[in-house]
């Protein structure tokens, strides 16, 4: 089964996953990496997973913006995903995700807004 590894201590992450959970849980397992006892999965450390979102798809990880697009597709946002996969939009979405992911390094209080 697919698994989406997200940071439940991040208010923005938690809000998004809570809103999408009813649409996602038929397709994948949600794993809160901020939970006590979580140390990593399939050779990827908790620290690495805190840097960007990870989605396990049978035998490999999908990470970052590609993971987000994958689970948005599963949640039914096909038109949005198609638009964001269009080359110029994908480039911009990748840059925006990268900036947001880097800002999470200063997110120790759970407030992850840019």
PDB file of N, CA and C in Angstrom:
ATOM      1  N   UNK A   1       0.841  -1.194   0.000  1.00  0.00           N
ATOM      2  CA  UNK A   1       0.000   0.000   0.000  1.00  0.00           C
ATOM      3  C   UNK A   1       0.882   1.252   0.000  1.00  0.00           C
ATOM      4  N   UNK A   2       0.431   2.276  -0.683  1.00  0.00           N
ATOM      5  CA  UNK A   2       1.142   3.544  -0.692  1.00  0.00           C
ATOM      6  C   UNK A   2       1.078   4.173   0.692  1.00  0.00           C
ATOM      7  N   UNK A   3       2.129   4.927   1.021  1.00  0.00           N
ATOM      8  CA  UNK A   3       2.183   5.611   2.314  1.00  0.00           C
ATOM      9  C   UNK A   3       2.618   7.050   2.080  1.00  0.00           C
ATOM     10  N   UNK A   4       1.911   7.982   2.704  1.00  0.00           N
ATOM     11  CA  UNK A   4       2.289   9.396   2.644  1.00  0.00           C
ATOM     12  C   UNK A   4       2.844   9.787   4.005  1.00  0.00           C
ATOM     13  N   UNK A   5       4.100  10.197   4.019  1.00  0.00           N
ATOM     14  CA  UNK A   5       4.791  10.589   5.242  1.00  0.00           C
ATOM     15  C   UNK A   5       4.743  12.111   5.342  1.00  0.00           C
ATOM     16  N   UNK A   6       4.049  12.608   6.355  1.00  0.00           N
ATOM     17  CA  UNK A   6       3.875  14.058   6.514  1.00  0.00           C
ATOM     18  C   UNK A   6       4.229  14.458   7.945  1.00  0.00           C
ATOM     19  N   UNK A   7       4.505  15.740   8.140  1.00  0.00           N
ATOM     20  CA  UNK A   7       4.876  16.276   9.451  1.00  0.00           C
ATOM     21  C   UNK A   7       3.632  16.818  10.153  1.00  0.00           C
ATOM     22  N   UNK A   8       3.101  16.039  11.072  1.00  0.00           N
ATOM     23  CA  UNK A   8       1.912  16.447  11.811  1.00  0.00           C
ATOM     24  C   UNK A   8       2.158  17.562  12.804  1.00  0.00           C
ATOM     25  N   UNK A   9       3.423  17.907  13.065  1.00  0.00           N
ATOM     26  CA  UNK A   9       3.712  19.025  13.965  1.00  0.00           C
ATOM     27  C   UNK A   9       3.691  20.365  13.229  1.00  0.00           C
ATOM     28  N   UNK A  10       3.638  20.324  11.918  1.00  0.00           N
ATOM     29  CA  UNK A  10       3.566  21.528  11.085  1.00  0.00           C
ATOM     30  C   UNK A  10       2.094  21.873  10.884  1.00  0.00           C
ATOM     31  N   UNK A  11       1.685  23.052  11.344  1.00  0.00           N
ATOM     32  CA  UNK A  11       0.266  23.423  11.270  1.00  0.00           C
ATOM     33  C   UNK A  11      -0.248  23.447   9.839  1.00  0.00           C
ATOM     34  N   UNK A  12       0.548  23.956   8.909  1.00  0.00           N
ATOM     35  CA  UNK A  12       0.138  24.014   7.515  1.00  0.00           C
ATOM     36  C   UNK A  12      -0.001  22.606   6.936  1.00  0.00           C
ATOM     37  N   UNK A  13       0.962  21.746   7.211  1.00  0.00           N
ATOM     38  CA  UNK A  13       0.922  20.357   6.743  1.00  0.00           C
ATOM     39  C   UNK A  13      -0.287  19.629   7.327  1.00  0.00           C
ATOM     40  N   UNK A  14      -0.478  19.818   8.619  1.00  0.00           N
ATOM     41  CA  UNK A  14      -1.581  19.159   9.327  1.00  0.00           C
ATOM     42  C   UNK A  14      -2.934  19.591   8.759  1.00  0.00           C
ATOM     43  N   UNK A  15      -3.068  20.873   8.480  1.00  0.00           N
ATOM     44  CA  UNK A  15      -4.319  21.394   7.929  1.00  0.00           C
ATOM     45  C   UNK A  15      -4.602  20.781   6.555  1.00  0.00           C
ATOM     46  N   UNK A  16      -3.583  20.728   5.701  1.00  0.00           N
ATOM     47  CA  UNK A  16      -3.778  20.167   4.365  1.00  0.00           C
ATOM     48  C   UNK A  16      -4.141  18.685   4.436  1.00  0.00           C
ATOM     49  N   UNK A  17      -3.403  17.926   5.215  1.00  0.00           N
ATOM     50  CA  UNK A  17      -3.655  16.488   5.300  1.00  0.00           C
ATOM     51  C   UNK A  17      -5.012  16.208   5.933  1.00  0.00           C
ATOM     52  N   UNK A  18      -5.397  16.978   6.940  1.00  0.00           N
ATOM     53  CA  UNK A  18      -6.720  16.791   7.557  1.00  0.00           C
ATOM     54  C   UNK A  18      -7.838  17.028   6.540  1.00  0.00           C
ATOM     55  N   UNK A  19      -7.667  18.055   5.714  1.00  0.00           N
ATOM     56  CA  UNK A  19      -8.689  18.362   4.701  1.00  0.00           C
ATOM     57  C   UNK A  19      -8.756  17.289   3.618  1.00  0.00           C
ATOM     58  N   UNK A  20      -7.606  16.725   3.262  1.00  0.00           N
ATOM     59  CA  UNK A  20      -7.564  15.743   2.173  1.00  0.00           C
ATOM     60  C   UNK A  20      -7.739  14.306   2.638  1.00  0.00           C
ATOM     61  N   UNK A  21      -7.604  14.051   3.925  1.00  0.00           N
ATOM     62  CA  UNK A  21      -7.617  12.680   4.454  1.00  0.00           C
ATOM     63  C   UNK A  21      -8.808  11.844   3.977  1.00  0.00           C
ATOM     64  N   UNK A  22     -10.035  12.360   4.002  1.00  0.00           N
ATOM     65  CA  UNK A  22     -11.146  11.517   3.544  1.00  0.00           C
ATOM     66  C   UNK A  22     -10.995  11.053   2.092  1.00  0.00           C
ATOM     67  N   UNK A  23     -10.361  11.864   1.265  1.00  0.00           N
ATOM     68  CA  UNK A  23     -10.167  11.490  -0.134  1.00  0.00           C
ATOM     69  C   UNK A  23      -8.919  10.625  -0.331  1.00  0.00           C
ATOM     70  N   UNK A  24      -7.970  10.735   0.594  1.00  0.00           N
ATOM     71  CA  UNK A  24      -6.712  10.017   0.442  1.00  0.00           C
ATOM     72  C   UNK A  24      -6.710   8.624   1.061  1.00  0.00           C
ATOM     73  N   UNK A  25      -7.382   8.463   2.194  1.00  0.00           N
ATOM     74  CA  UNK A  25      -7.258   7.194   2.932  1.00  0.00           C
ATOM     75  C   UNK A  25      -7.722   5.963   2.147  1.00  0.00           C
ATOM     76  N   UNK A  26      -8.617   6.075   1.163  1.00  0.00           N
ATOM     77  CA  UNK A  26      -8.884   4.861   0.370  1.00  0.00           C
ATOM     78  C   UNK A  26      -7.692   4.443  -0.503  1.00  0.00           C
ATOM     79  N   UNK A  27      -6.763   5.361  -0.747  1.00  0.00           N
ATOM     80  CA  UNK A  27      -5.667   5.113  -1.676  1.00  0.00           C
ATOM     81  C   UNK A  27      -4.312   4.916  -1.014  1.00  0.00           C
ATOM     82  N   UNK A  28      -4.144   5.464   0.196  1.00  0.00           N
ATOM     83  CA  UNK A  28      -2.841   5.374   0.851  1.00  0.00           C
ATOM     84  C   UNK A  28      -2.977   5.500   2.350  1.00  0.00           C
ATOM     85  N   UNK A  29      -1.915   5.113   3.037  1.00  0.00           N
ATOM     86  CA  UNK A  29      -1.843   5.225   4.494  1.00  0.00           C
ATOM     87  C   UNK A  29      -1.154   6.534   4.836  1.00  0.00           C
ATOM     88  N   UNK A  30      -1.698   7.282   5.762  1.00  0.00           N
ATOM     89  CA  UNK A  30      -1.100   8.528   6.224  1.00  0.00           C
ATOM     90  C   UNK A  30      -0.219   8.237   7.429  1.00  0.00           C
ATOM     91  N   UNK A  31       1.034   8.683   7.382  1.00  0.00           N
ATOM     92  CA  UNK A  31       1.992   8.421   8.452  1.00  0.00           C
ATOM     93  C   UNK A  31       2.531   9.756   8.957  1.00  0.00           C
ATOM     94  N   UNK A  32       2.241  10.054  10.213  1.00  0.00           N
ATOM     95  CA  UNK A  32       2.724  11.284  10.840  1.00  0.00           C
ATOM     96  C   UNK A  32       4.138  11.043  11.343  1.00  0.00           C
ATOM     97  N   UNK A  33       5.108  11.673  10.691  1.00  0.00           N
ATOM     98  CA  UNK A  33       6.505  11.434  11.048  1.00  0.00           C
ATOM     99  C   UNK A  33       6.924  12.160  12.322  1.00  0.00           C
ATOM    100  N   UNK A  34       6.054  13.031  12.834  1.00  0.00           N
ATOM    101  CA  UNK A  34       6.373  13.709  14.096  1.00  0.00           C
ATOM    102  C   UNK A  34       5.970  12.869  15.306  1.00  0.00           C
ATOM    103  N   UNK A  35       5.320  11.740  15.068  1.00  0.00           N
ATOM    104  CA  UNK A  35       4.867  10.878  16.164  1.00  0.00           C
ATOM    105  C   UNK A  35       6.057  10.278  16.905  1.00  0.00           C
ATOM    106  N   UNK A  36       5.906  10.133  18.217  1.00  0.00           N
ATOM    107  CA  UNK A  36       6.940   9.496  19.031  1.00  0.00           C
ATOM    108  C   UNK A  36       7.229   8.101  18.482  1.00  0.00           C
ATOM    109  N   UNK A  37       8.479   7.785  18.394  1.00  0.00           N
ATOM    110  CA  UNK A  37       8.870   6.446  17.952  1.00  0.00           C
ATOM    111  C   UNK A  37       9.117   6.330  16.457  1.00  0.00           C
ATOM    112  N   UNK A  38       8.730   7.325  15.676  1.00  0.00           N
ATOM    113  CA  UNK A  38       9.006   7.241  14.240  1.00  0.00           C
ATOM    114  C   UNK A  38      10.464   7.624  13.996  1.00  0.00           C
ATOM    115  N   UNK A  39      11.203   6.734  13.336  1.00  0.00           N
ATOM    116  CA  UNK A  39      12.622   6.975  13.090  1.00  0.00           C
ATOM    117  C   UNK A  39      12.988   6.994  11.616  1.00  0.00           C
ATOM    118  N   UNK A  40      12.066   6.593  10.761  1.00  0.00           N
ATOM    119  CA  UNK A  40      12.344   6.527   9.338  1.00  0.00           C
ATOM    120  C   UNK A  40      11.662   5.319   8.726  1.00  0.00           C
ATOM    121  N   UNK A  41      11.863   5.178   7.419  1.00  0.00           N
ATOM    122  CA  UNK A  41      11.228   4.075   6.704  1.00  0.00           C
ATOM    123  C   UNK A  41      12.060   3.761   5.462  1.00  0.00           C
ATOM    124  N   UNK A  42      12.259   2.494   5.205  1.00  0.00           N
ATOM    125  CA  UNK A  42      12.925   2.002   3.992  1.00  0.00           C
ATOM    126  C   UNK A  42      14.267   2.697   3.741  1.00  0.00           C
ATOM    127  N   UNK A  43      15.031   2.894   4.810  1.00  0.00           N
ATOM    128  CA  UNK A  43      16.352   3.473   4.679  1.00  0.00           C
ATOM    129  C   UNK A  43      16.404   4.986   4.640  1.00  0.00           C
ATOM    130  N   UNK A  44      15.276   5.652   4.750  1.00  0.00           N
ATOM    131  CA  UNK A  44      15.241   7.118   4.764  1.00  0.00           C
ATOM    132  C   UNK A  44      14.962   7.565   6.191  1.00  0.00           C
ATOM    133  N   UNK A  45      15.811   8.423   6.711  1.00  0.00           N
ATOM    134  CA  UNK A  45      15.698   8.859   8.099  1.00  0.00           C
ATOM    135  C   UNK A  45      14.553   9.842   8.302  1.00  0.00           C
ATOM    136  N   UNK A  46      14.149   9.960   9.552  1.00  0.00           N
ATOM    137  CA  UNK A  46      13.143  10.948   9.922  1.00  0.00           C
ATOM    138  C   UNK A  46      13.627  12.358   9.549  1.00  0.00           C
ATOM    139  N   UNK A  47      14.894  12.631   9.778  1.00  0.00           N
ATOM    140  CA  UNK A  47      15.456  13.942   9.443  1.00  0.00           C
ATOM    141  C   UNK A  47      15.315  14.267   7.968  1.00  0.00           C
ATOM    142  N   UNK A  48      15.607  13.297   7.116  1.00  0.00           N
ATOM    143  CA  UNK A  48      15.463  13.512   5.669  1.00  0.00           C
ATOM    144  C   UNK A  48      14.005  13.732   5.299  1.00  0.00           C
ATOM    145  N   UNK A  49      13.112  13.000   5.959  1.00  0.00           N
ATOM    146  CA  UNK A  49      11.688  13.164   5.670  1.00  0.00           C
ATOM    147  C   UNK A  49      11.160  14.505   6.152  1.00  0.00           C
ATOM    148  N   UNK A  50      11.794  15.064   7.178  1.00  0.00           N
ATOM    149  CA  UNK A  50      11.390  16.388   7.655  1.00  0.00           C
ATOM    150  C   UNK A  50      11.763  17.490   6.658  1.00  0.00           C
ATOM    151  N   UNK A  51      12.705  17.203   5.766  1.00  0.00           N
ATOM    152  CA  UNK A  51      13.157  18.205   4.801  1.00  0.00           C
ATOM    153  C   UNK A  51      12.165  18.406   3.656  1.00  0.00           C
ATOM    154  N   UNK A  52      11.497  17.332   3.256  1.00  0.00           N
ATOM    155  CA  UNK A  52      10.481  17.418   2.206  1.00  0.00           C
ATOM    156  C   UNK A  52       9.561  16.213   2.311  1.00  0.00           C
ATOM    157  N   UNK A  53       8.373  16.352   1.781  1.00  0.00           N
ATOM    158  CA  UNK A  53       7.370  15.296   1.904  1.00  0.00           C
ATOM    159  C   UNK A  53       7.796  14.074   1.093  1.00  0.00           C
ATOM    160  N   UNK A  54       7.494  12.900   1.620  1.00  0.00           N
ATOM    161  CA  UNK A  54       7.824  11.631   0.977  1.00  0.00           C
ATOM    162  C   UNK A  54       6.559  10.800   0.814  1.00  0.00           C
ATOM    163  N   UNK A  55       6.440  10.170  -0.335  1.00  0.00           N
ATOM    164  CA  UNK A  55       5.343   9.245  -0.600  1.00  0.00           C
ATOM    165  C   UNK A  55       5.949   7.932  -1.070  1.00  0.00           C
ATOM    166  N   UNK A  56       5.642   6.865  -0.358  1.00  0.00           N
ATOM    167  CA  UNK A  56       6.136   5.531  -0.711  1.00  0.00           C
ATOM    168  C   UNK A  56       5.155   4.906  -1.684  1.00  0.00           C
ATOM    169  N   UNK A  57       5.653   4.503  -2.845  1.00  0.00           N
ATOM    170  CA  UNK A  57       4.806   3.890  -3.882  1.00  0.00           C
ATOM    171  C   UNK A  57       5.345   2.498  -4.196  1.00  0.00           C
ATOM    172  N   UNK A  58       4.900   1.531  -3.438  1.00  0.00           N
ATOM    173  CA  UNK A  58       5.219   0.113  -3.559  1.00  0.00           C
ATOM    174  C   UNK A  58       6.675  -0.235  -3.285  1.00  0.00           C
ATOM    175  N   UNK A  59       7.628   0.344  -4.031  1.00  0.00           N
ATOM    176  CA  UNK A  59       9.026  -0.033  -3.843  1.00  0.00           C
ATOM    177  C   UNK A  59       9.991   1.145  -3.963  1.00  0.00           C
ATOM    178  N   UNK A  60       9.455   2.359  -4.007  1.00  0.00           N
ATOM    179  CA  UNK A  60      10.309   3.540  -4.142  1.00  0.00           C
ATOM    180  C   UNK A  60       9.598   4.767  -3.575  1.00  0.00           C
ATOM    181  N   UNK A  61      10.387   5.796  -3.325  1.00  0.00           N
ATOM    182  CA  UNK A  61       9.839   7.052  -2.832  1.00  0.00           C
ATOM    183  C   UNK A  61       9.617   8.033  -3.974  1.00  0.00           C
ATOM    184  N   UNK A  62       8.581   8.820  -3.836  1.00  0.00           N
ATOM    185  CA  UNK A  62       8.346  10.020  -4.638  1.00  0.00           C
ATOM    186  C   UNK A  62       8.476  11.155  -3.633  1.00  0.00           C
ATOM    187  N   UNK A  63       9.247  12.187  -3.944  1.00  0.00           N
ATOM    188  CA  UNK A  63       9.512  13.231  -2.949  1.00  0.00           C
ATOM    189  C   UNK A  63       9.201  14.620  -3.488  1.00  0.00           C
ATOM    190  N   UNK A  64       9.043  15.549  -2.539  1.00  0.00           N
ATOM    191  CA  UNK A  64       8.872  16.957  -2.868  1.00  0.00           C
ATOM    192  C   UNK A  64       7.612  17.252  -3.654  1.00  0.00           C
ATOM    193  N   UNK A  65       7.734  18.147  -4.625  1.00  0.00           N
ATOM    194  CA  UNK A  65       6.566  18.573  -5.404  1.00  0.00           C
ATOM    195  C   UNK A  65       5.938  17.389  -6.135  1.00  0.00           C
ATOM    196  N   UNK A  66       6.753  16.427  -6.565  1.00  0.00           N
ATOM    197  CA  UNK A  66       6.202  15.260  -7.256  1.00  0.00           C
ATOM    198  C   UNK A  66       5.315  14.431  -6.328  1.00  0.00           C
ATOM    199  N   UNK A  67       5.694  14.338  -5.058  1.00  0.00           N
ATOM    200  CA  UNK A  67       4.851  13.641  -4.087  1.00  0.00           C
ATOM    201  C   UNK A  67       3.538  14.398  -3.888  1.00  0.00           C
ATOM    202  N   UNK A  68       3.629  15.721  -3.778  1.00  0.00           N
ATOM    203  CA  UNK A  68       2.409  16.527  -3.606  1.00  0.00           C
ATOM    204  C   UNK A  68       1.478  16.360  -4.802  1.00  0.00           C
ATOM    205  N   UNK A  69       2.037  16.436  -5.998  1.00  0.00           N
ATOM    206  CA  UNK A  69       1.204  16.268  -7.196  1.00  0.00           C
ATOM    207  C   UNK A  69       0.573  14.888  -7.234  1.00  0.00           C
ATOM    208  N   UNK A  70       1.316  13.884  -6.798  1.00  0.00           N
ATOM    209  CA  UNK A  70       0.793  12.514  -6.786  1.00  0.00           C
ATOM    210  C   UNK A  70      -0.412  12.395  -5.849  1.00  0.00           C
ATOM    211  N   UNK A  71      -0.275  12.907  -4.629  1.00  0.00           N
ATOM    212  CA  UNK A  71      -1.405  12.744  -3.714  1.00  0.00           C
ATOM    213  C   UNK A  71      -2.543  13.710  -4.034  1.00  0.00           C
ATOM    214  N   UNK A  72      -2.266  14.853  -4.628  1.00  0.00           N
ATOM    215  CA  UNK A  72      -3.361  15.721  -5.085  1.00  0.00           C
ATOM    216  C   UNK A  72      -4.157  15.026  -6.185  1.00  0.00           C
ATOM    217  N   UNK A  73      -3.444  14.307  -7.070  1.00  0.00           N
ATOM    218  CA  UNK A  73      -4.128  13.534  -8.115  1.00  0.00           C
ATOM    219  C   UNK A  73      -5.037  12.486  -7.469  1.00  0.00           C
ATOM    220  N   UNK A  74      -4.520  11.762  -6.473  1.00  0.00           N
ATOM    221  CA  UNK A  74      -5.315  10.749  -5.774  1.00  0.00           C
ATOM    222  C   UNK A  74      -6.533  11.372  -5.088  1.00  0.00           C
ATOM    223  N   UNK A  75      -6.396  12.615  -4.634  1.00  0.00           N
ATOM    224  CA  UNK A  75      -7.495  13.304  -3.944  1.00  0.00           C
ATOM    225  C   UNK A  75      -8.526  13.858  -4.928  1.00  0.00           C
ATOM    226  N   UNK A  76      -8.245  13.759  -6.220  1.00  0.00           N
ATOM    227  CA  UNK A  76      -9.232  14.173  -7.214  1.00  0.00           C
ATOM    228  C   UNK A  76      -8.970  15.515  -7.881  1.00  0.00           C
ATOM    229  N   UNK A  77      -7.812  16.093  -7.625  1.00  0.00           N
ATOM    230  CA  UNK A  77      -7.493  17.401  -8.205  1.00  0.00           C
ATOM    231  C   UNK A  77      -6.755  17.239  -9.532  1.00  0.00           C
ATOM    232  N   UNK A  78      -7.371  16.496 -10.449  1.00  0.00           N
ATOM    233  CA  UNK A  78      -6.727  16.132 -11.713  1.00  0.00           C
ATOM    234  C   UNK A  78      -6.417  17.347 -12.588  1.00  0.00           C
ATOM    235  N   UNK A  79      -7.338  18.278 -12.685  1.00  0.00           N
ATOM    236  CA  UNK A  79      -7.112  19.456 -13.533  1.00  0.00           C
ATOM    237  C   UNK A  79      -5.978  20.318 -12.982  1.00  0.00           C
ATOM    238  N   UNK A  80      -5.949  20.502 -11.683  1.00  0.00           N
ATOM    239  CA  UNK A  80      -4.873  21.272 -11.061  1.00  0.00           C
ATOM    240  C   UNK A  80      -3.531  20.587 -11.300  1.00  0.00           C
ATOM    241  N   UNK A  81      -3.488  19.280 -11.119  1.00  0.00           N
ATOM    242  CA  UNK A  81      -2.243  18.533 -11.309  1.00  0.00           C
ATOM    243  C   UNK A  81      -1.796  18.619 -12.768  1.00  0.00           C
ATOM    244  N   UNK A  82      -2.724  18.474 -13.710  1.00  0.00           N
ATOM    245  CA  UNK A  82      -2.367  18.578 -15.129  1.00  0.00           C
ATOM    246  C   UNK A  82      -1.785  19.955 -15.432  1.00  0.00           C
ATOM    247  N   UNK A  83      -2.401  20.988 -14.883  1.00  0.00           N
ATOM    248  CA  UNK A  83      -1.905  22.352 -15.084  1.00  0.00           C
ATOM    249  C   UNK A  83      -0.501  22.513 -14.506  1.00  0.00           C
ATOM    250  N   UNK A  84      -0.305  22.019 -13.283  1.00  0.00           N
ATOM    251  CA  UNK A  84       0.993  22.166 -12.626  1.00  0.00           C
ATOM    252  C   UNK A  84       2.082  21.300 -13.250  1.00  0.00           C
ATOM    253  N   UNK A  85       1.697  20.284 -13.994  1.00  0.00           N
ATOM    254  CA  UNK A  85       2.685  19.452 -14.688  1.00  0.00           C
ATOM    255  C   UNK A  85       3.105  20.072 -16.030  1.00  0.00           C
ATOM    256  N   UNK A  86       2.374  21.054 -16.504  1.00  0.00           N
ATOM    257  CA  UNK A  86       2.753  21.783 -17.709  1.00  0.00           C
ATOM    258  C   UNK A  86       4.100  22.434 -17.432  1.00  0.00           C
ATOM    259  N   UNK A  87       5.064  22.283 -18.337  1.00  0.00           N
ATOM    260  CA  UNK A  87       6.467  22.624 -18.074  1.00  0.00           C
ATOM    261  C   UNK A  87       6.712  23.954 -17.361  1.00  0.00           C
ATOM    262  N   UNK A  88       6.209  25.096 -17.846  1.00  0.00           N
ATOM    263  CA  UNK A  88       6.505  26.345 -17.119  1.00  0.00           C
ATOM    264  C   UNK A  88       5.909  26.364 -15.712  1.00  0.00           C
ATOM    265  N   UNK A  89       4.732  25.800 -15.568  1.00  0.00           N
ATOM    266  CA  UNK A  89       4.080  25.770 -14.258  1.00  0.00           C
ATOM    267  C   UNK A  89       4.813  24.824 -13.317  1.00  0.00           C
ATOM    268  N   UNK A  90       5.267  23.689 -13.849  1.00  0.00           N
ATOM    269  CA  UNK A  90       5.998  22.725 -13.034  1.00  0.00           C
ATOM    270  C   UNK A  90       7.297  23.342 -12.515  1.00  0.00           C
ATOM    271  N   UNK A  91       7.991  24.067 -13.378  1.00  0.00           N
ATOM    272  CA  UNK A  91       9.230  24.731 -12.977  1.00  0.00           C
ATOM    273  C   UNK A  91       8.954  25.690 -11.818  1.00  0.00           C
ATOM    274  N   UNK A  92       7.907  26.511 -11.961  1.00  0.00           N
ATOM    275  CA  UNK A  92       7.557  27.482 -10.925  1.00  0.00           C
ATOM    276  C   UNK A  92       7.112  26.774  -9.644  1.00  0.00           C
ATOM    277  N   UNK A  93       6.282  25.741  -9.773  1.00  0.00           N
ATOM    278  CA  UNK A  93       5.816  24.989  -8.593  1.00  0.00           C
ATOM    279  C   UNK A  93       6.991  24.331  -7.879  1.00  0.00           C
ATOM    280  N   UNK A  94       7.948  23.804  -8.633  1.00  0.00           N
ATOM    281  CA  UNK A  94       9.133  23.186  -8.031  1.00  0.00           C
ATOM    282  C   UNK A  94       9.948  24.199  -7.250  1.00  0.00           C
ATOM    283  N   UNK A  95      10.136  25.385  -7.828  1.00  0.00           N
ATOM    284  CA  UNK A  95      10.882  26.438  -7.138  1.00  0.00           C
ATOM    285  C   UNK A  95      10.157  26.885  -5.871  1.00  0.00           C
ATOM    286  N   UNK A  96       8.841  27.068  -5.967  1.00  0.00           N
ATOM    287  CA  UNK A  96       8.049  27.499  -4.807  1.00  0.00           C
ATOM    288  C   UNK A  96       8.096  26.437  -3.705  1.00  0.00           C
ATOM    289  N   UNK A  97       7.953  25.155  -4.079  1.00  0.00           N
ATOM    290  CA  UNK A  97       8.024  24.091  -3.088  1.00  0.00           C
ATOM    291  C   UNK A  97       9.406  24.076  -2.435  1.00  0.00           C
ATOM    292  N   UNK A  98      10.458  24.215  -3.234  1.00  0.00           N
ATOM    293  CA  UNK A  98      11.822  24.221  -2.692  1.00  0.00           C
ATOM    294  C   UNK A  98      12.030  25.339  -1.687  1.00  0.00           C
ATOM    295  N   UNK A  99      11.516  26.533  -2.001  1.00  0.00           N
ATOM    296  CA  UNK A  99      11.632  27.659  -1.063  1.00  0.00           C
ATOM    297  C   UNK A  99      10.894  27.361   0.229  1.00  0.00           C
ATOM    298  N   UNK A 100       9.688  26.825   0.112  1.00  0.00           N
ATOM    299  CA  UNK A 100       8.898  26.506   1.300  1.00  0.00           C
ATOM    300  C   UNK A 100       9.595  25.413   2.123  1.00  0.00           C
ATOM    301  N   UNK A 101      10.097  24.384   1.452  1.00  0.00           N
ATOM    302  CA  UNK A 101      10.755  23.285   2.169  1.00  0.00           C
ATOM    303  C   UNK A 101      11.989  23.793   2.925  1.00  0.00           C
ATOM    304  N   UNK A 102      12.762  24.677   2.295  1.00  0.00           N
ATOM    305  CA  UNK A 102      13.941  25.235   2.979  1.00  0.00           C
ATOM    306  C   UNK A 102      13.527  26.085   4.174  1.00  0.00           C
ATOM    307  N   UNK A 103      12.385  26.761   4.080  1.00  0.00           N
ATOM    308  CA  UNK A 103      11.937  27.601   5.191  1.00  0.00           C
ATOM    309  C   UNK A 103      11.536  26.763   6.408  1.00  0.00           C
ATOM    310  N   UNK A 104      11.250  25.490   6.187  1.00  0.00           N
ATOM    311  CA  UNK A 104      10.863  24.606   7.293  1.00  0.00           C
ATOM    312  C   UNK A 104      12.006  24.386   8.270  1.00  0.00           C
ATOM    313  N   UNK A 105      13.210  24.669   7.865  1.00  0.00           N
ATOM    314  CA  UNK A 105      14.346  24.539   8.793  1.00  0.00           C
ATOM    315  C   UNK A 105      14.175  25.451   9.987  1.00  0.00           C
ATOM    316  N   UNK A 106      13.401  26.522   9.819  1.00  0.00           N
ATOM    317  CA  UNK A 106      13.136  27.477  10.899  1.00  0.00           C
ATOM    318  C   UNK A 106      11.737  27.272  11.464  1.00  0.00           C
ATOM    319  N   UNK A 107      11.256  26.078  11.415  1.00  0.00           N
ATOM    320  CA  UNK A 107       9.865  25.775  11.733  1.00  0.00           C
ATOM    321  C   UNK A 107       9.735  24.975  13.024  1.00  0.00           C
ATOM    322  N   UNK A 108      10.610  25.161  13.958  1.00  0.00           N
ATOM    323  CA  UNK A 108      10.617  24.330  15.157  1.00  0.00           C
ATOM    324  C   UNK A 108       9.402  24.520  16.055  1.00  0.00           C
ATOM    325  N   UNK A 109       8.700  25.647  15.922  1.00  0.00           N
ATOM    326  CA  UNK A 109       7.539  25.881  16.773  1.00  0.00           C
ATOM    327  C   UNK A 109       6.233  25.398  16.132  1.00  0.00           C
ATOM    328  N   UNK A 110       6.307  24.734  14.969  1.00  0.00           N
ATOM    329  CA  UNK A 110       5.115  24.242  14.299  1.00  0.00           C
ATOM    330  C   UNK A 110       4.446  25.271  13.420  1.00  0.00           C
ATOM    331  N   UNK A 111       4.962  26.481  13.371  1.00  0.00           N
ATOM    332  CA  UNK A 111       4.403  27.524  12.515  1.00  0.00           C
ATOM    333  C   UNK A 111       5.207  27.573  11.231  1.00  0.00           C
ATOM    334  N   UNK A 112       4.694  26.942  10.185  1.00  0.00           N
ATOM    335  CA  UNK A 112       5.451  26.766   8.958  1.00  0.00           C
ATOM    336  C   UNK A 112       5.041  27.708   7.843  1.00  0.00           C
ATOM    337  N   UNK A 113       4.327  28.736   8.151  1.00  0.00           N
ATOM    338  CA  UNK A 113       3.916  29.668   7.109  1.00  0.00           C
ATOM    339  C   UNK A 113       5.138  30.421   6.608  1.00  0.00           C
ATOM    340  N   UNK A 114       5.119  30.735   5.324  1.00  0.00           N
ATOM    341  CA  UNK A 114       6.230  31.509   4.741  1.00  0.00           C
ATOM    342  C   UNK A 114       6.239  32.913   5.278  1.00  0.00           C
TER     343      UNK A 114
END
